[in-house]
Amino acid sequence: MEEAGYQLRLAVPSDVESIRREIRVTLANPEGKPLRKRYEDAVQRHEMLVVTRFDPRERTEVIAGFVEWHTKVDGTITIRDAGTVGTEPQPGILRQLIRGLLHMFEPPSATVKVRADLPVWNTVFQQIPGFLPVGREYSRPYWRNIWEWTRENERAALRLATGGRPAGARRRRP
């Protein structure tokens, strides 16, 4: 993924048609079946981020993925849907979107429910520092894993990843 060529921004009403046309496989619709989901409501509430890249041939921005969420009164968020272009989810773009969401809006916590039988989607949340599995639920006909992110979990995961050293601290050589 070319990091420099991608940009995160809030979705605008004109993005909805492109999302419907280009993104079939999503967190809420892993089979890619046509849905009647209304993304316009999320766009109006400013609860949808898109990642775009510039297409030099067409000289336009092309949407590469999106994440939709709902913000509760207490500031916590629930991730409702996410997706990328193509027939398979692109984990790198999804992680970029979700990390961008968490760092732009700084919620006290974020939750998401992921079907247990979808390893790609579960791995995306497992690989984002701060997301931990907090339970499972059965919603006919699937089991769903419940993932929760908090700032404390993120700090602990980053400390663990750096061996207890503050980020940027160098290890002493013997």
N, C-alpha and C. Protein backbone atom coordinates (compact mmCIF):
# COMPACT_ATOMS: atom_id res chain seq x y z
N MET A 1 0.85 -1.18 0.00
CA MET A 1 0.00 0.00 0.00
C MET A 1 0.88 1.24 0.00
N GLU A 2 0.64 2.15 -0.88
CA GLU A 2 1.40 3.38 -0.95
C GLU A 2 0.83 4.37 0.06
N GLU A 3 1.51 4.49 1.20
CA GLU A 3 1.01 5.33 2.28
C GLU A 3 0.83 6.79 1.85
N ALA A 4 1.79 7.33 1.10
CA ALA A 4 1.74 8.74 0.74
C ALA A 4 0.59 9.06 -0.19
N GLY A 5 0.10 8.09 -0.94
CA GLY A 5 -0.95 8.35 -1.90
C GLY A 5 -2.35 8.25 -1.35
N TYR A 6 -2.49 7.97 -0.06
CA TYR A 6 -3.81 7.79 0.54
C TYR A 6 -4.13 8.93 1.48
N GLN A 7 -5.42 9.27 1.57
CA GLN A 7 -5.87 10.35 2.44
C GLN A 7 -7.14 9.92 3.16
N LEU A 8 -7.21 10.19 4.46
CA LEU A 8 -8.42 9.94 5.25
C LEU A 8 -9.25 11.21 5.32
N ARG A 9 -10.55 11.06 5.18
CA ARG A 9 -11.44 12.22 5.34
C ARG A 9 -12.84 11.75 5.66
N LEU A 10 -13.65 12.66 6.18
CA LEU A 10 -15.06 12.35 6.40
C LEU A 10 -15.75 12.18 5.05
N ALA A 11 -16.67 11.26 4.98
CA ALA A 11 -17.41 11.03 3.75
C ALA A 11 -18.36 12.19 3.48
N VAL A 12 -18.59 12.45 2.21
CA VAL A 12 -19.55 13.46 1.77
C VAL A 12 -20.65 12.75 0.99
N PRO A 13 -21.83 13.38 0.83
CA PRO A 13 -22.94 12.70 0.15
C PRO A 13 -22.59 12.12 -1.22
N SER A 14 -21.71 12.76 -1.96
CA SER A 14 -21.37 12.25 -3.30
C SER A 14 -20.56 10.95 -3.24
N ASP A 15 -20.01 10.59 -2.07
CA ASP A 15 -19.24 9.34 -1.92
C ASP A 15 -20.13 8.10 -1.85
N VAL A 16 -21.38 8.27 -1.45
CA VAL A 16 -22.25 7.12 -1.18
C VAL A 16 -22.43 6.24 -2.42
N GLU A 17 -22.67 6.84 -3.56
CA GLU A 17 -22.87 6.04 -4.78
C GLU A 17 -21.61 5.26 -5.14
N SER A 18 -20.46 5.87 -4.98
CA SER A 18 -19.20 5.19 -5.27
C SER A 18 -18.98 4.03 -4.29
N ILE A 19 -19.30 4.22 -3.03
CA ILE A 19 -19.17 3.15 -2.04
C ILE A 19 -20.07 1.98 -2.41
N ARG A 20 -21.31 2.27 -2.75
CA ARG A 20 -22.24 1.20 -3.14
C ARG A 20 -21.78 0.45 -4.40
N ARG A 21 -21.23 1.19 -5.34
CA ARG A 21 -20.83 0.60 -6.62
C ARG A 21 -19.52 -0.19 -6.50
N GLU A 22 -18.54 0.33 -5.77
CA GLU A 22 -17.20 -0.24 -5.76
C GLU A 22 -16.93 -1.21 -4.61
N ILE A 23 -17.65 -1.08 -3.50
CA ILE A 23 -17.34 -1.90 -2.32
C ILE A 23 -18.50 -2.84 -2.05
N ARG A 24 -18.26 -4.11 -2.29
CA ARG A 24 -19.30 -5.13 -2.10
C ARG A 24 -19.13 -5.88 -0.78
N VAL A 25 -17.91 -6.35 -0.51
CA VAL A 25 -17.65 -7.15 0.69
C VAL A 25 -17.33 -6.21 1.85
N THR A 26 -18.17 -6.26 2.90
CA THR A 26 -17.98 -5.39 4.06
C THR A 26 -18.11 -6.21 5.33
N LEU A 27 -17.81 -5.58 6.44
CA LEU A 27 -17.94 -6.21 7.74
C LEU A 27 -19.38 -6.66 7.99
N ALA A 28 -20.33 -5.82 7.65
CA ALA A 28 -21.74 -6.15 7.85
C ALA A 28 -22.30 -7.04 6.75
N ASN A 29 -21.59 -7.15 5.63
CA ASN A 29 -22.06 -7.92 4.48
C ASN A 29 -20.89 -8.71 3.88
N PRO A 30 -20.37 -9.71 4.63
CA PRO A 30 -19.18 -10.42 4.15
C PRO A 30 -19.40 -11.29 2.91
N GLU A 31 -20.64 -11.61 2.60
CA GLU A 31 -20.91 -12.41 1.39
C GLU A 31 -20.97 -11.56 0.14
N GLY A 32 -21.08 -10.24 0.27
CA GLY A 32 -21.14 -9.36 -0.88
C GLY A 32 -22.50 -9.29 -1.55
N LYS A 33 -23.55 -9.71 -0.83
CA LYS A 33 -24.90 -9.64 -1.39
C LYS A 33 -25.35 -8.18 -1.47
N PRO A 34 -26.18 -7.86 -2.46
CA PRO A 34 -26.69 -6.48 -2.55
C PRO A 34 -27.49 -6.13 -1.29
N LEU A 35 -27.21 -4.96 -0.75
CA LEU A 35 -27.90 -4.49 0.46
C LEU A 35 -28.64 -3.20 0.19
N ARG A 36 -29.60 -2.92 1.01
CA ARG A 36 -30.33 -1.66 0.91
C ARG A 36 -29.89 -0.70 2.02
N LYS A 37 -28.70 -0.92 2.55
CA LYS A 37 -28.22 -0.11 3.66
C LYS A 37 -28.13 1.35 3.25
N ARG A 38 -28.56 2.21 4.15
CA ARG A 38 -28.56 3.64 3.87
C ARG A 38 -27.34 4.29 4.51
N TYR A 39 -26.32 4.49 3.71
CA TYR A 39 -25.11 5.15 4.20
C TYR A 39 -25.31 6.67 4.31
N GLU A 40 -26.33 7.20 3.64
CA GLU A 40 -26.57 8.64 3.67
C GLU A 40 -26.76 9.15 5.10
N ASP A 41 -27.43 8.36 5.94
CA ASP A 41 -27.66 8.78 7.32
C ASP A 41 -26.34 8.94 8.07
N ALA A 42 -25.43 8.00 7.89
CA ALA A 42 -24.13 8.07 8.55
C ALA A 42 -23.33 9.28 8.05
N VAL A 43 -23.41 9.55 6.76
CA VAL A 43 -22.71 10.70 6.19
C VAL A 43 -23.26 11.99 6.79
N GLN A 44 -24.58 12.11 6.91
CA GLN A 44 -25.19 13.31 7.48
C GLN A 44 -24.83 13.49 8.95
N ARG A 45 -24.64 12.39 9.68
CA ARG A 45 -24.26 12.46 11.10
C ARG A 45 -22.76 12.64 11.28
N HIS A 46 -22.00 12.67 10.17
CA HIS A 46 -20.53 12.74 10.19
C HIS A 46 -19.95 11.54 10.92
N GLU A 47 -20.48 10.35 10.59
CA GLU A 47 -20.03 9.12 11.21
C GLU A 47 -19.57 8.11 10.16
N MET A 48 -18.88 8.61 9.15
CA MET A 48 -18.30 7.73 8.14
C MET A 48 -17.00 8.36 7.63
N LEU A 49 -15.93 7.57 7.70
CA LEU A 49 -14.64 7.98 7.16
C LEU A 49 -14.37 7.20 5.89
N VAL A 50 -13.72 7.84 4.94
CA VAL A 50 -13.29 7.13 3.74
C VAL A 50 -11.79 7.35 3.58
N VAL A 51 -11.14 6.38 2.96
CA VAL A 51 -9.75 6.53 2.57
C VAL A 51 -9.76 6.62 1.05
N THR A 52 -9.10 7.63 0.53
CA THR A 52 -9.10 7.86 -0.91
C THR A 52 -7.66 7.87 -1.42
N ARG A 53 -7.54 7.63 -2.71
CA ARG A 53 -6.24 7.78 -3.38
C ARG A 53 -6.49 8.55 -4.66
N PHE A 54 -5.48 9.23 -5.13
CA PHE A 54 -5.59 10.01 -6.35
C PHE A 54 -5.26 9.11 -7.54
N ASP A 55 -6.16 9.05 -8.51
CA ASP A 55 -5.94 8.28 -9.73
C ASP A 55 -5.43 9.25 -10.79
N PRO A 56 -4.15 9.17 -11.16
CA PRO A 56 -3.60 10.14 -12.12
C PRO A 56 -4.21 10.04 -13.51
N ARG A 57 -4.62 8.84 -13.92
CA ARG A 57 -5.24 8.69 -15.24
C ARG A 57 -6.58 9.40 -15.31
N GLU A 58 -7.41 9.18 -14.30
CA GLU A 58 -8.74 9.79 -14.28
C GLU A 58 -8.71 11.21 -13.70
N ARG A 59 -7.63 11.54 -13.03
CA ARG A 59 -7.47 12.84 -12.37
C ARG A 59 -8.60 13.10 -11.35
N THR A 60 -8.92 12.05 -10.60
CA THR A 60 -9.95 12.17 -9.57
C THR A 60 -9.53 11.37 -8.34
N GLU A 61 -10.22 11.62 -7.24
CA GLU A 61 -10.04 10.81 -6.04
C GLU A 61 -10.85 9.54 -6.20
N VAL A 62 -10.27 8.41 -5.81
CA VAL A 62 -10.94 7.13 -5.88
C VAL A 62 -11.03 6.59 -4.46
N ILE A 63 -12.22 6.18 -4.04
CA ILE A 63 -12.40 5.65 -2.70
C ILE A 63 -11.84 4.23 -2.64
N ALA A 64 -10.98 3.98 -1.65
CA ALA A 64 -10.37 2.66 -1.48
C ALA A 64 -11.02 1.89 -0.33
N GLY A 65 -11.71 2.59 0.58
CA GLY A 65 -12.35 1.92 1.71
C GLY A 65 -13.12 2.91 2.57
N PHE A 66 -13.90 2.35 3.50
CA PHE A 66 -14.68 3.19 4.40
C PHE A 66 -14.86 2.49 5.74
N VAL A 67 -15.19 3.28 6.75
CA VAL A 67 -15.61 2.75 8.04
C VAL A 67 -16.78 3.61 8.51
N GLU A 68 -17.82 2.93 8.98
CA GLU A 68 -19.02 3.60 9.49
C GLU A 68 -19.15 3.25 10.96
N TRP A 69 -19.53 4.21 11.78
CA TRP A 69 -19.69 3.98 13.21
C TRP A 69 -20.86 4.78 13.73
N HIS A 70 -21.17 4.56 15.01
CA HIS A 70 -22.18 5.34 15.70
C HIS A 70 -21.58 5.84 17.00
N THR A 71 -21.72 7.10 17.27
CA THR A 71 -21.22 7.69 18.51
C THR A 71 -22.36 7.79 19.50
N LYS A 72 -22.14 7.25 20.69
CA LYS A 72 -23.15 7.31 21.74
C LYS A 72 -23.03 8.61 22.51
N VAL A 73 -24.00 8.90 23.35
CA VAL A 73 -24.04 10.14 24.11
C VAL A 73 -22.79 10.30 24.99
N ASP A 74 -22.29 9.19 25.54
CA ASP A 74 -21.12 9.26 26.42
C ASP A 74 -19.80 9.33 25.65
N GLY A 75 -19.84 9.40 24.32
CA GLY A 75 -18.64 9.53 23.50
C GLY A 75 -18.07 8.22 23.00
N THR A 76 -18.53 7.09 23.53
CA THR A 76 -18.04 5.81 23.04
C THR A 76 -18.58 5.55 21.64
N ILE A 77 -17.86 4.75 20.88
CA ILE A 77 -18.32 4.48 19.53
C ILE A 77 -18.51 2.98 19.32
N THR A 78 -19.41 2.67 18.41
CA THR A 78 -19.65 1.31 17.96
C THR A 78 -19.39 1.28 16.46
N ILE A 79 -18.44 0.48 16.05
CA ILE A 79 -18.15 0.35 14.62
C ILE A 79 -19.22 -0.55 14.02
N ARG A 80 -19.94 -0.03 13.04
CA ARG A 80 -21.05 -0.76 12.43
C ARG A 80 -20.68 -1.48 11.15
N ASP A 81 -19.83 -0.85 10.34
CA ASP A 81 -19.51 -1.43 9.04
C ASP A 81 -18.17 -0.87 8.57
N ALA A 82 -17.50 -1.63 7.73
CA ALA A 82 -16.24 -1.21 7.12
C ALA A 82 -16.05 -2.05 5.88
N GLY A 83 -15.32 -1.53 4.92
CA GLY A 83 -15.08 -2.30 3.71
C GLY A 83 -14.03 -1.65 2.83
N THR A 84 -13.51 -2.46 1.91
CA THR A 84 -12.52 -1.98 0.95
C THR A 84 -12.92 -2.44 -0.45
N VAL A 85 -12.33 -1.83 -1.45
CA VAL A 85 -12.61 -2.25 -2.82
C VAL A 85 -12.01 -3.63 -3.05
N GLY A 86 -12.54 -4.33 -4.02
CA GLY A 86 -12.04 -5.65 -4.35
C GLY A 86 -12.94 -6.74 -3.81
N THR A 87 -12.57 -7.97 -4.14
CA THR A 87 -13.39 -9.11 -3.73
C THR A 87 -13.02 -9.63 -2.34
N GLU A 88 -11.87 -9.22 -1.82
CA GLU A 88 -11.42 -9.61 -0.48
C GLU A 88 -11.12 -8.35 0.31
N PRO A 89 -11.38 -8.38 1.64
CA PRO A 89 -11.02 -7.22 2.46
C PRO A 89 -9.49 -7.01 2.43
N GLN A 90 -9.08 -5.76 2.42
CA GLN A 90 -7.66 -5.41 2.43
C GLN A 90 -7.30 -4.97 3.85
N PRO A 91 -6.67 -5.86 4.63
CA PRO A 91 -6.41 -5.58 6.04
C PRO A 91 -5.62 -4.29 6.30
N GLY A 92 -4.64 -3.98 5.46
CA GLY A 92 -3.84 -2.77 5.67
C GLY A 92 -4.69 -1.51 5.60
N ILE A 93 -5.55 -1.43 4.63
CA ILE A 93 -6.43 -0.26 4.49
C ILE A 93 -7.42 -0.21 5.65
N LEU A 94 -7.97 -1.36 6.03
CA LEU A 94 -8.92 -1.40 7.15
C LEU A 94 -8.26 -0.94 8.44
N ARG A 95 -7.05 -1.41 8.72
CA ARG A 95 -6.35 -0.98 9.94
C ARG A 95 -6.08 0.52 9.90
N GLN A 96 -5.69 1.04 8.74
CA GLN A 96 -5.44 2.47 8.60
C GLN A 96 -6.71 3.27 8.90
N LEU A 97 -7.83 2.82 8.37
CA LEU A 97 -9.11 3.50 8.60
C LEU A 97 -9.49 3.49 10.08
N ILE A 98 -9.38 2.33 10.70
CA ILE A 98 -9.82 2.20 12.10
C ILE A 98 -8.89 2.97 13.02
N ARG A 99 -7.57 2.89 12.79
CA ARG A 99 -6.64 3.69 13.59
C ARG A 99 -6.91 5.17 13.39
N GLY A 100 -7.18 5.57 12.15
CA GLY A 100 -7.50 6.98 11.88
C GLY A 100 -8.74 7.42 12.62
N LEU A 101 -9.76 6.58 12.63
CA LEU A 101 -11.00 6.88 13.36
C LEU A 101 -10.71 7.08 14.84
N LEU A 102 -9.95 6.17 15.43
CA LEU A 102 -9.66 6.24 16.87
C LEU A 102 -8.81 7.46 17.22
N HIS A 103 -7.88 7.82 16.38
CA HIS A 103 -7.01 8.95 16.69
C HIS A 103 -7.62 10.30 16.33
N MET A 104 -8.53 10.33 15.36
CA MET A 104 -9.19 11.59 15.00
C MET A 104 -10.24 11.99 16.04
N PHE A 105 -11.01 11.01 16.51
CA PHE A 105 -12.13 11.32 17.38
C PHE A 105 -11.87 11.01 18.84
N GLU A 106 -10.81 10.29 19.15
CA GLU A 106 -10.38 9.99 20.52
C GLU A 106 -11.52 9.58 21.44
N PRO A 107 -12.24 8.51 21.09
CA PRO A 107 -13.33 8.06 21.98
C PRO A 107 -12.74 7.40 23.23
N PRO A 108 -13.49 7.38 24.33
CA PRO A 108 -13.01 6.67 25.52
C PRO A 108 -12.93 5.16 25.26
N SER A 109 -13.82 4.64 24.42
CA SER A 109 -13.77 3.23 24.05
C SER A 109 -14.49 3.04 22.72
N ALA A 110 -14.18 1.91 22.09
CA ALA A 110 -14.82 1.55 20.83
C ALA A 110 -15.10 0.06 20.86
N THR A 111 -16.25 -0.34 20.34
CA THR A 111 -16.59 -1.76 20.27
C THR A 111 -16.99 -2.11 18.85
N VAL A 112 -16.83 -3.39 18.55
CA VAL A 112 -17.24 -3.91 17.26
C VAL A 112 -17.58 -5.38 17.44
N LYS A 113 -18.57 -5.84 16.70
CA LYS A 113 -18.94 -7.25 16.70
C LYS A 113 -18.59 -7.82 15.34
N VAL A 114 -17.81 -8.93 15.37
CA VAL A 114 -17.31 -9.54 14.15
C VAL A 114 -17.72 -11.01 14.14
N ARG A 115 -18.26 -11.46 13.03
CA ARG A 115 -18.60 -12.88 12.93
C ARG A 115 -17.38 -13.73 13.23
N ALA A 116 -17.55 -14.72 14.09
CA ALA A 116 -16.44 -15.57 14.52
C ALA A 116 -15.86 -16.40 13.38
N ASP A 117 -16.64 -16.67 12.35
CA ASP A 117 -16.17 -17.50 11.24
C ASP A 117 -15.47 -16.70 10.14
N LEU A 118 -15.09 -15.46 10.42
CA LEU A 118 -14.41 -14.62 9.44
C LEU A 118 -13.00 -14.27 9.94
N PRO A 119 -12.01 -15.13 9.69
CA PRO A 119 -10.68 -14.91 10.25
C PRO A 119 -10.01 -13.62 9.78
N VAL A 120 -10.23 -13.19 8.55
CA VAL A 120 -9.60 -11.96 8.06
C VAL A 120 -10.07 -10.76 8.88
N TRP A 121 -11.37 -10.67 9.11
CA TRP A 121 -11.91 -9.54 9.86
C TRP A 121 -11.47 -9.59 11.32
N ASN A 122 -11.47 -10.76 11.94
CA ASN A 122 -11.02 -10.86 13.33
C ASN A 122 -9.55 -10.51 13.45
N THR A 123 -8.73 -10.90 12.47
CA THR A 123 -7.31 -10.58 12.50
C THR A 123 -7.07 -9.09 12.41
N VAL A 124 -7.89 -8.38 11.64
CA VAL A 124 -7.75 -6.92 11.53
C VAL A 124 -7.82 -6.29 12.92
N PHE A 125 -8.81 -6.67 13.70
CA PHE A 125 -8.97 -6.07 15.03
C PHE A 125 -7.94 -6.60 16.01
N GLN A 126 -7.53 -7.83 15.85
CA GLN A 126 -6.50 -8.40 16.71
C GLN A 126 -5.17 -7.67 16.52
N GLN A 127 -4.90 -7.18 15.33
CA GLN A 127 -3.63 -6.53 15.03
C GLN A 127 -3.60 -5.03 15.32
N ILE A 128 -4.72 -4.46 15.72
CA ILE A 128 -4.74 -3.04 16.08
C ILE A 128 -4.51 -2.93 17.58
N PRO A 129 -3.43 -2.26 18.01
CA PRO A 129 -3.16 -2.15 19.44
C PRO A 129 -4.35 -1.53 20.19
N GLY A 130 -4.74 -2.20 21.26
CA GLY A 130 -5.84 -1.71 22.09
C GLY A 130 -7.12 -2.49 21.96
N PHE A 131 -7.29 -3.22 20.88
CA PHE A 131 -8.49 -4.04 20.73
C PHE A 131 -8.27 -5.39 21.41
N LEU A 132 -9.18 -5.74 22.30
CA LEU A 132 -9.14 -7.02 22.99
C LEU A 132 -10.49 -7.70 22.86
N PRO A 133 -10.51 -9.03 22.75
CA PRO A 133 -11.80 -9.74 22.73
C PRO A 133 -12.40 -9.70 24.13
N VAL A 134 -13.65 -9.27 24.25
CA VAL A 134 -14.29 -9.17 25.57
C VAL A 134 -15.50 -10.09 25.70
N GLY A 135 -15.83 -10.82 24.66
CA GLY A 135 -16.95 -11.74 24.77
C GLY A 135 -17.39 -12.26 23.43
N ARG A 136 -18.41 -13.11 23.50
CA ARG A 136 -19.04 -13.67 22.30
C ARG A 136 -20.54 -13.63 22.50
N GLU A 137 -21.24 -13.56 21.38
CA GLU A 137 -22.70 -13.65 21.44
C GLU A 137 -23.20 -14.42 20.23
N TYR A 138 -24.36 -15.00 20.40
CA TYR A 138 -24.97 -15.74 19.30
C TYR A 138 -26.11 -14.92 18.74
N SER A 139 -26.02 -14.61 17.47
CA SER A 139 -27.07 -13.90 16.76
C SER A 139 -27.35 -14.73 15.53
N ARG A 140 -28.47 -15.40 15.53
CA ARG A 140 -28.80 -16.40 14.53
C ARG A 140 -28.43 -15.97 13.13
N PRO A 141 -27.72 -16.72 12.38
CA PRO A 141 -27.19 -18.06 12.59
C PRO A 141 -25.70 -18.08 12.92
N TYR A 142 -25.11 -16.97 13.42
CA TYR A 142 -23.67 -16.89 13.60
C TYR A 142 -23.28 -16.53 15.04
N TRP A 143 -22.11 -17.01 15.44
CA TRP A 143 -21.46 -16.52 16.64
C TRP A 143 -20.69 -15.27 16.26
N ARG A 144 -20.69 -14.29 17.15
CA ARG A 144 -19.96 -13.05 16.91
C ARG A 144 -18.99 -12.80 18.06
N ASN A 145 -17.76 -12.41 17.70
CA ASN A 145 -16.77 -12.00 18.69
C ASN A 145 -16.97 -10.52 18.96
N ILE A 146 -16.91 -10.15 20.22
CA ILE A 146 -17.04 -8.74 20.60
C ILE A 146 -15.64 -8.24 20.95
N TRP A 147 -15.18 -7.22 20.22
CA TRP A 147 -13.88 -6.61 20.44
C TRP A 147 -14.08 -5.23 21.04
N GLU A 148 -13.22 -4.86 21.99
CA GLU A 148 -13.30 -3.53 22.60
C GLU A 148 -11.92 -2.89 22.61
N TRP A 149 -11.88 -1.61 22.26
CA TRP A 149 -10.67 -0.81 22.29
C TRP A 149 -10.80 0.24 23.38
N THR A 150 -9.74 0.42 24.15
CA THR A 150 -9.65 1.54 25.08
C THR A 150 -8.25 2.12 24.99
N ARG A 151 -8.08 3.36 25.42
CA ARG A 151 -6.75 3.98 25.42
C ARG A 151 -5.79 3.20 26.32
N GLU A 152 -6.31 2.74 27.45
CA GLU A 152 -5.46 1.99 28.39
C GLU A 152 -4.97 0.69 27.74
N ASN A 153 -5.87 -0.01 27.05
CA ASN A 153 -5.46 -1.24 26.36
C ASN A 153 -4.42 -0.93 25.28
N GLU A 154 -4.60 0.19 24.58
CA GLU A 154 -3.65 0.55 23.53
C GLU A 154 -2.29 0.85 24.13
N ARG A 155 -2.26 1.62 25.22
CA ARG A 155 -0.98 1.93 25.88
C ARG A 155 -0.29 0.66 26.36
N ALA A 156 -1.05 -0.24 26.96
CA ALA A 156 -0.48 -1.50 27.46
C ALA A 156 0.07 -2.33 26.30
N ALA A 157 -0.65 -2.41 25.20
CA ALA A 157 -0.19 -3.19 24.05
C ALA A 157 1.07 -2.58 23.45
N LEU A 158 1.14 -1.25 23.38
CA LEU A 158 2.33 -0.60 22.83
C LEU A 158 3.53 -0.77 23.77
N ARG A 159 3.29 -0.71 25.09
CA ARG A 159 4.37 -0.95 26.05
C ARG A 159 4.91 -2.37 25.91
N LEU A 160 4.00 -3.30 25.77
CA LEU A 160 4.39 -4.71 25.61
C LEU A 160 5.17 -4.91 24.32
N ALA A 161 4.76 -4.24 23.25
CA ALA A 161 5.42 -4.37 21.96
C ALA A 161 6.83 -3.77 21.98
N THR A 162 7.06 -2.75 22.79
CA THR A 162 8.38 -2.11 22.87
C THR A 162 9.21 -2.67 24.02
N GLY A 163 8.73 -3.72 24.65
CA GLY A 163 9.48 -4.33 25.74
C GLY A 163 9.48 -3.51 27.01
N GLY A 164 8.44 -2.72 27.23
CA GLY A 164 8.33 -1.91 28.44
C GLY A 164 9.01 -0.57 28.35
N ARG A 165 9.70 -0.30 27.24
CA ARG A 165 10.38 0.98 27.06
C ARG A 165 9.40 1.99 26.48
N PRO A 166 9.56 3.25 26.81
CA PRO A 166 8.72 4.26 26.17
C PRO A 166 9.02 4.27 24.67
N ALA A 167 8.02 4.62 23.89
CA ALA A 167 8.19 4.67 22.45
C ALA A 167 9.33 5.64 22.11
N GLY A 168 10.23 5.22 21.25
CA GLY A 168 11.34 6.06 20.85
C GLY A 168 12.58 5.88 21.72
N ALA A 169 12.44 5.20 22.87
CA ALA A 169 13.60 5.00 23.74
C ALA A 169 14.50 3.92 23.11
N ARG A 170 15.80 4.11 23.23
CA ARG A 170 16.74 3.15 22.64
C ARG A 170 17.18 2.14 23.70
N ARG A 171 17.45 0.98 23.24
CA ARG A 171 17.93 -0.09 24.11
C ARG A 171 19.43 0.08 24.32
N ARG A 172 19.87 -0.09 25.55
CA ARG A 172 21.32 0.00 25.85
C ARG A 172 22.02 -1.24 25.33
N ARG A 173 23.17 -1.01 24.80
CA ARG A 173 23.99 -2.14 24.34
C ARG A 173 24.92 -2.55 25.46
N PRO A 174 25.10 -3.85 25.67
CA PRO A 174 25.99 -4.32 26.73
C PRO A 174 27.45 -4.05 26.44
